[in-house]
Amino acid sequence: MRNIKWVLLLALVALVISLSACGGGKGATNNETDKSNNTNNGAGETVNAAEAEKLYKQSCVTCHAVDLGGGVGPNLQKVGGKLSLAEIRAKIVNGGNGMPPYKEQLTGEQIDTLANWLATKK
């Protein structure tokens, strides 16, 4: 019986850690712009890829993996070919299907940067 309690405790701790890891990056900003790392999102908007990748590493990598291949969250490697820019932005803002909303953790500018960058992934 005592072993079962330890196993349950460890499982609970692992669950709490994995869920809390999905919400990082609150209030993080980077005002530096790397012009050499800019790209176009296909909707005529320029994307600062360096800033977007930084935001992704701070807020998304835990669930979507370093290579955007997925894990806890879905694969994002070709998300721009599946969802429109507006749909990607709405998912970041509102969350859903297990993803937490980021409207309180990221600024509107950060959400736009991230959504524009993800829209280039086709």
N, C-alpha and C. Protein backbone atom coordinates (compact mmCIF):
# COMPACT_ATOMS: atom_id res chain seq x y z
N MET A 1 0.82 -1.19 0.00
CA MET A 1 0.00 0.00 0.00
C MET A 1 0.86 1.26 0.00
N ARG A 2 1.97 1.17 0.74
CA ARG A 2 2.86 2.32 0.82
C ARG A 2 3.51 2.61 -0.53
N ASN A 3 3.85 1.56 -1.28
CA ASN A 3 4.44 1.74 -2.61
C ASN A 3 3.46 2.40 -3.57
N ILE A 4 2.20 2.07 -3.48
CA ILE A 4 1.18 2.66 -4.33
C ILE A 4 1.09 4.17 -4.07
N LYS A 5 1.18 4.57 -2.81
CA LYS A 5 1.14 6.00 -2.48
C LYS A 5 2.32 6.73 -3.12
N TRP A 6 3.50 6.15 -3.09
CA TRP A 6 4.68 6.78 -3.69
C TRP A 6 4.53 6.89 -5.21
N VAL A 7 4.01 5.84 -5.81
CA VAL A 7 3.82 5.86 -7.26
C VAL A 7 2.81 6.94 -7.64
N LEU A 8 1.72 7.04 -6.91
CA LEU A 8 0.72 8.07 -7.18
C LEU A 8 1.28 9.47 -6.96
N LEU A 9 2.07 9.63 -5.92
CA LEU A 9 2.68 10.93 -5.64
C LEU A 9 3.63 11.32 -6.77
N LEU A 10 4.46 10.39 -7.22
CA LEU A 10 5.38 10.68 -8.32
C LEU A 10 4.63 11.00 -9.61
N ALA A 11 3.55 10.27 -9.87
CA ALA A 11 2.74 10.54 -11.06
C ALA A 11 2.11 11.92 -10.98
N LEU A 12 1.64 12.31 -9.81
CA LEU A 12 1.03 13.62 -9.63
C LEU A 12 2.07 14.73 -9.83
N VAL A 13 3.25 14.54 -9.28
CA VAL A 13 4.32 15.53 -9.45
C VAL A 13 4.69 15.68 -10.92
N ALA A 14 4.81 14.56 -11.63
CA ALA A 14 5.14 14.60 -13.05
C ALA A 14 4.06 15.32 -13.85
N LEU A 15 2.81 15.08 -13.51
CA LEU A 15 1.70 15.75 -14.18
C LEU A 15 1.73 17.25 -13.94
N VAL A 16 1.93 17.66 -12.71
CA VAL A 16 1.99 19.08 -12.37
C VAL A 16 3.13 19.76 -13.11
N ILE A 17 4.29 19.13 -13.16
CA ILE A 17 5.44 19.72 -13.84
C ILE A 17 5.17 19.85 -15.34
N SER A 18 4.60 18.82 -15.94
CA SER A 18 4.36 18.89 -17.38
C SER A 18 3.30 19.92 -17.73
N LEU A 19 2.28 20.07 -16.91
CA LEU A 19 1.25 21.07 -17.18
C LEU A 19 1.75 22.48 -16.94
N SER A 20 2.55 22.68 -15.93
CA SER A 20 3.05 24.02 -15.64
C SER A 20 4.08 24.45 -16.67
N ALA A 21 4.75 23.54 -17.32
CA ALA A 21 5.76 23.87 -18.31
C ALA A 21 5.15 24.47 -19.58
N CYS A 22 3.89 24.23 -19.83
CA CYS A 22 3.25 24.74 -21.05
C CYS A 22 2.94 26.22 -20.99
N GLY A 23 3.11 26.87 -19.86
CA GLY A 23 2.70 28.26 -19.76
C GLY A 23 3.83 29.25 -19.62
N GLY A 24 5.06 28.93 -19.95
CA GLY A 24 6.20 29.82 -19.76
C GLY A 24 6.15 31.06 -20.62
N GLY A 25 7.06 31.99 -20.34
CA GLY A 25 7.23 33.16 -21.18
C GLY A 25 6.39 34.34 -20.82
N LYS A 26 5.75 34.40 -19.70
CA LYS A 26 4.89 35.51 -19.35
C LYS A 26 5.68 36.80 -19.27
N GLY A 27 5.22 37.76 -20.05
CA GLY A 27 5.82 39.08 -20.00
C GLY A 27 7.18 39.17 -20.67
N ALA A 28 7.62 38.16 -21.32
CA ALA A 28 8.92 38.20 -21.95
C ALA A 28 8.88 39.06 -23.20
N THR A 29 9.85 39.94 -23.34
CA THR A 29 9.93 40.77 -24.52
C THR A 29 11.37 40.86 -24.98
N ASN A 30 11.53 41.16 -26.24
CA ASN A 30 12.83 41.40 -26.81
C ASN A 30 12.65 42.48 -27.85
N ASN A 31 13.16 43.67 -27.58
CA ASN A 31 12.96 44.79 -28.47
C ASN A 31 13.99 44.83 -29.58
N GLU A 32 14.97 43.94 -29.57
CA GLU A 32 15.96 43.90 -30.62
C GLU A 32 15.36 43.24 -31.85
N THR A 33 15.69 43.79 -33.03
CA THR A 33 15.19 43.24 -34.28
C THR A 33 16.36 42.79 -35.13
N ASP A 34 16.32 41.56 -35.59
CA ASP A 34 17.33 41.02 -36.46
C ASP A 34 16.79 41.04 -37.88
N LYS A 35 17.11 42.07 -38.62
CA LYS A 35 16.58 42.25 -39.97
C LYS A 35 17.01 41.13 -40.91
N SER A 36 18.17 40.54 -40.67
CA SER A 36 18.67 39.50 -41.56
C SER A 36 17.89 38.20 -41.42
N ASN A 37 17.08 38.08 -40.39
CA ASN A 37 16.35 36.85 -40.13
C ASN A 37 14.85 37.03 -40.40
N ASN A 38 14.50 38.05 -41.17
CA ASN A 38 13.10 38.30 -41.48
C ASN A 38 12.67 37.48 -42.69
N THR A 39 11.40 37.15 -42.74
CA THR A 39 10.84 36.40 -43.86
C THR A 39 9.42 36.90 -44.10
N ASN A 40 8.78 36.43 -45.14
CA ASN A 40 7.41 36.83 -45.45
C ASN A 40 6.48 35.68 -45.13
N ASN A 41 5.33 35.97 -44.52
CA ASN A 41 4.42 34.91 -44.09
C ASN A 41 3.45 34.46 -45.17
N GLY A 42 3.56 34.99 -46.37
CA GLY A 42 2.66 34.60 -47.45
C GLY A 42 1.41 35.47 -47.52
N ALA A 43 1.18 36.27 -46.48
CA ALA A 43 0.04 37.19 -46.46
C ALA A 43 0.54 38.62 -46.62
N GLY A 44 1.78 38.76 -47.09
CA GLY A 44 2.34 40.09 -47.32
C GLY A 44 2.95 40.73 -46.09
N GLU A 45 3.03 40.01 -44.99
CA GLU A 45 3.57 40.57 -43.75
C GLU A 45 4.96 40.01 -43.50
N THR A 46 5.86 40.91 -43.06
CA THR A 46 7.21 40.49 -42.74
C THR A 46 7.23 39.89 -41.34
N VAL A 47 7.97 38.81 -41.20
CA VAL A 47 8.04 38.08 -39.94
C VAL A 47 9.47 38.15 -39.43
N ASN A 48 9.63 38.54 -38.17
CA ASN A 48 10.94 38.50 -37.53
C ASN A 48 11.12 37.09 -36.98
N ALA A 49 11.79 36.26 -37.74
CA ALA A 49 11.93 34.85 -37.38
C ALA A 49 12.72 34.67 -36.09
N ALA A 50 13.74 35.50 -35.87
CA ALA A 50 14.55 35.36 -34.65
C ALA A 50 13.70 35.62 -33.41
N GLU A 51 12.89 36.66 -33.44
CA GLU A 51 12.03 36.97 -32.30
C GLU A 51 10.97 35.87 -32.12
N ALA A 52 10.40 35.40 -33.23
CA ALA A 52 9.39 34.35 -33.16
C ALA A 52 9.97 33.06 -32.58
N GLU A 53 11.16 32.71 -33.02
CA GLU A 53 11.80 31.49 -32.50
C GLU A 53 12.10 31.62 -31.01
N LYS A 54 12.47 32.81 -30.58
CA LYS A 54 12.71 33.04 -29.15
C LYS A 54 11.41 32.85 -28.36
N LEU A 55 10.33 33.44 -28.85
CA LEU A 55 9.03 33.29 -28.19
C LEU A 55 8.60 31.83 -28.18
N TYR A 56 8.82 31.13 -29.29
CA TYR A 56 8.46 29.72 -29.38
C TYR A 56 9.22 28.91 -28.33
N LYS A 57 10.51 29.17 -28.20
CA LYS A 57 11.32 28.44 -27.21
C LYS A 57 10.86 28.74 -25.79
N GLN A 58 10.42 29.97 -25.53
CA GLN A 58 9.98 30.34 -24.19
C GLN A 58 8.60 29.78 -23.85
N SER A 59 7.72 29.69 -24.83
CA SER A 59 6.32 29.41 -24.51
C SER A 59 5.75 28.13 -25.11
N CYS A 60 6.38 27.58 -26.14
CA CYS A 60 5.73 26.50 -26.89
C CYS A 60 6.52 25.19 -26.96
N VAL A 61 7.84 25.29 -26.83
CA VAL A 61 8.70 24.14 -27.10
C VAL A 61 8.40 22.95 -26.19
N THR A 62 7.97 23.20 -24.98
CA THR A 62 7.71 22.12 -24.04
C THR A 62 6.65 21.15 -24.57
N CYS A 63 5.64 21.68 -25.22
CA CYS A 63 4.56 20.83 -25.71
C CYS A 63 4.68 20.48 -27.20
N HIS A 64 5.35 21.34 -27.98
CA HIS A 64 5.40 21.14 -29.43
C HIS A 64 6.77 20.74 -29.95
N ALA A 65 7.77 20.60 -29.08
CA ALA A 65 9.13 20.13 -29.40
C ALA A 65 9.97 21.20 -30.10
N VAL A 66 11.26 21.05 -29.99
CA VAL A 66 12.21 22.00 -30.58
C VAL A 66 12.02 22.10 -32.09
N ASP A 67 11.78 20.97 -32.73
CA ASP A 67 11.63 20.94 -34.19
C ASP A 67 10.19 21.12 -34.66
N LEU A 68 9.30 21.54 -33.77
CA LEU A 68 7.88 21.72 -34.04
C LEU A 68 7.18 20.39 -34.33
N GLY A 69 7.84 19.28 -34.04
CA GLY A 69 7.33 17.97 -34.38
C GLY A 69 6.21 17.45 -33.49
N GLY A 70 5.92 18.14 -32.41
CA GLY A 70 4.84 17.70 -31.54
C GLY A 70 5.34 16.83 -30.41
N GLY A 71 4.45 16.43 -29.59
CA GLY A 71 4.72 15.64 -28.40
C GLY A 71 3.45 15.65 -27.59
N VAL A 72 3.43 16.47 -26.54
CA VAL A 72 2.20 16.68 -25.78
C VAL A 72 1.19 17.40 -26.67
N GLY A 73 1.67 18.40 -27.40
CA GLY A 73 0.84 19.15 -28.35
C GLY A 73 1.05 18.61 -29.76
N PRO A 74 0.24 19.07 -30.71
CA PRO A 74 0.33 18.56 -32.08
C PRO A 74 1.58 19.05 -32.82
N ASN A 75 1.90 18.39 -33.91
CA ASN A 75 2.97 18.76 -34.81
C ASN A 75 2.62 20.09 -35.48
N LEU A 76 3.57 21.04 -35.46
CA LEU A 76 3.35 22.36 -36.06
C LEU A 76 4.23 22.59 -37.29
N GLN A 77 4.92 21.57 -37.76
CA GLN A 77 5.86 21.74 -38.85
C GLN A 77 5.21 22.25 -40.13
N LYS A 78 3.93 21.94 -40.35
CA LYS A 78 3.23 22.40 -41.55
C LYS A 78 1.91 23.06 -41.19
N VAL A 79 1.87 23.69 -40.01
CA VAL A 79 0.62 24.28 -39.53
C VAL A 79 0.12 25.40 -40.44
N GLY A 80 1.04 26.14 -41.09
CA GLY A 80 0.63 27.21 -42.00
C GLY A 80 -0.07 26.71 -43.24
N GLY A 81 0.12 25.45 -43.58
CA GLY A 81 -0.58 24.85 -44.71
C GLY A 81 -1.94 24.29 -44.33
N LYS A 82 -2.19 24.17 -43.02
CA LYS A 82 -3.44 23.59 -42.54
C LYS A 82 -4.39 24.65 -41.98
N LEU A 83 -3.82 25.68 -41.35
CA LEU A 83 -4.63 26.73 -40.73
C LEU A 83 -4.26 28.08 -41.30
N SER A 84 -5.22 28.98 -41.37
CA SER A 84 -4.94 30.35 -41.82
C SER A 84 -4.23 31.11 -40.70
N LEU A 85 -3.69 32.25 -41.05
CA LEU A 85 -3.04 33.11 -40.06
C LEU A 85 -4.03 33.46 -38.94
N ALA A 86 -5.26 33.78 -39.30
CA ALA A 86 -6.28 34.13 -38.29
C ALA A 86 -6.58 32.94 -37.37
N GLU A 87 -6.63 31.74 -37.93
CA GLU A 87 -6.90 30.55 -37.12
C GLU A 87 -5.74 30.24 -36.17
N ILE A 88 -4.52 30.42 -36.67
CA ILE A 88 -3.34 30.20 -35.82
C ILE A 88 -3.35 31.20 -34.67
N ARG A 89 -3.59 32.46 -34.99
CA ARG A 89 -3.62 33.51 -33.97
C ARG A 89 -4.71 33.22 -32.94
N ALA A 90 -5.89 32.84 -33.39
CA ALA A 90 -6.99 32.54 -32.48
C ALA A 90 -6.65 31.38 -31.55
N LYS A 91 -5.95 30.38 -32.07
CA LYS A 91 -5.56 29.22 -31.24
C LYS A 91 -4.57 29.65 -30.16
N ILE A 92 -3.62 30.53 -30.51
CA ILE A 92 -2.66 31.01 -29.52
C ILE A 92 -3.38 31.84 -28.46
N VAL A 93 -4.26 32.72 -28.88
CA VAL A 93 -4.98 33.59 -27.96
C VAL A 93 -5.90 32.80 -27.04
N ASN A 94 -6.72 31.93 -27.61
CA ASN A 94 -7.78 31.26 -26.86
C ASN A 94 -7.45 29.84 -26.39
N GLY A 95 -6.42 29.23 -26.95
CA GLY A 95 -6.10 27.84 -26.60
C GLY A 95 -7.20 26.91 -27.09
N GLY A 96 -7.30 25.76 -26.45
CA GLY A 96 -8.33 24.78 -26.80
C GLY A 96 -7.74 23.42 -27.04
N ASN A 97 -8.53 22.39 -26.83
CA ASN A 97 -8.09 20.99 -27.01
C ASN A 97 -6.82 20.69 -26.22
N GLY A 98 -6.77 21.16 -24.99
CA GLY A 98 -5.63 20.89 -24.12
C GLY A 98 -4.59 22.00 -24.10
N MET A 99 -4.61 22.89 -25.08
CA MET A 99 -3.65 23.99 -25.12
C MET A 99 -4.18 25.14 -24.26
N PRO A 100 -3.31 25.69 -23.40
CA PRO A 100 -3.76 26.83 -22.59
C PRO A 100 -3.83 28.10 -23.43
N PRO A 101 -4.69 29.05 -23.07
CA PRO A 101 -4.72 30.33 -23.78
C PRO A 101 -3.50 31.18 -23.39
N TYR A 102 -2.99 31.92 -24.35
CA TYR A 102 -1.81 32.75 -24.09
C TYR A 102 -2.13 34.25 -24.09
N LYS A 103 -3.41 34.62 -24.13
CA LYS A 103 -3.78 36.03 -24.17
C LYS A 103 -3.34 36.78 -22.92
N GLU A 104 -3.14 36.11 -21.82
CA GLU A 104 -2.70 36.75 -20.59
C GLU A 104 -1.19 36.62 -20.38
N GLN A 105 -0.54 35.78 -21.18
CA GLN A 105 0.89 35.52 -21.00
C GLN A 105 1.76 36.21 -22.04
N LEU A 106 1.22 36.48 -23.20
CA LEU A 106 1.95 37.14 -24.26
C LEU A 106 1.23 38.42 -24.66
N THR A 107 1.98 39.41 -25.12
CA THR A 107 1.36 40.64 -25.61
C THR A 107 0.76 40.37 -26.98
N GLY A 108 -0.09 41.28 -27.43
CA GLY A 108 -0.67 41.15 -28.77
C GLY A 108 0.41 41.12 -29.84
N GLU A 109 1.45 41.93 -29.65
CA GLU A 109 2.56 41.96 -30.61
C GLU A 109 3.30 40.62 -30.63
N GLN A 110 3.52 40.04 -29.46
CA GLN A 110 4.20 38.75 -29.38
C GLN A 110 3.35 37.65 -30.03
N ILE A 111 2.05 37.69 -29.81
CA ILE A 111 1.15 36.71 -30.42
C ILE A 111 1.18 36.85 -31.94
N ASP A 112 1.15 38.10 -32.43
CA ASP A 112 1.22 38.32 -33.88
C ASP A 112 2.53 37.81 -34.46
N THR A 113 3.63 38.07 -33.77
CA THR A 113 4.93 37.61 -34.23
C THR A 113 4.95 36.09 -34.34
N LEU A 114 4.47 35.43 -33.31
CA LEU A 114 4.45 33.97 -33.27
C LEU A 114 3.50 33.41 -34.33
N ALA A 115 2.32 33.98 -34.45
CA ALA A 115 1.33 33.50 -35.43
C ALA A 115 1.84 33.70 -36.86
N ASN A 116 2.43 34.86 -37.13
CA ASN A 116 2.96 35.13 -38.47
C ASN A 116 4.07 34.14 -38.82
N TRP A 117 4.93 33.84 -37.86
CA TRP A 117 6.01 32.88 -38.09
C TRP A 117 5.46 31.48 -38.33
N LEU A 118 4.51 31.06 -37.51
CA LEU A 118 3.92 29.73 -37.69
C LEU A 118 3.19 29.62 -39.02
N ALA A 119 2.63 30.73 -39.51
CA ALA A 119 1.93 30.72 -40.80
C ALA A 119 2.89 30.45 -41.96
N THR A 120 4.20 30.66 -41.75
CA THR A 120 5.18 30.37 -42.80
C THR A 120 5.52 28.89 -42.87
N LYS A 121 5.12 28.13 -41.89
CA LYS A 121 5.44 26.70 -41.81
C LYS A 121 4.45 25.92 -42.66
N LYS A 122 4.87 25.61 -43.88
CA LYS A 122 3.97 24.95 -44.82
C LYS A 122 4.55 23.69 -45.31
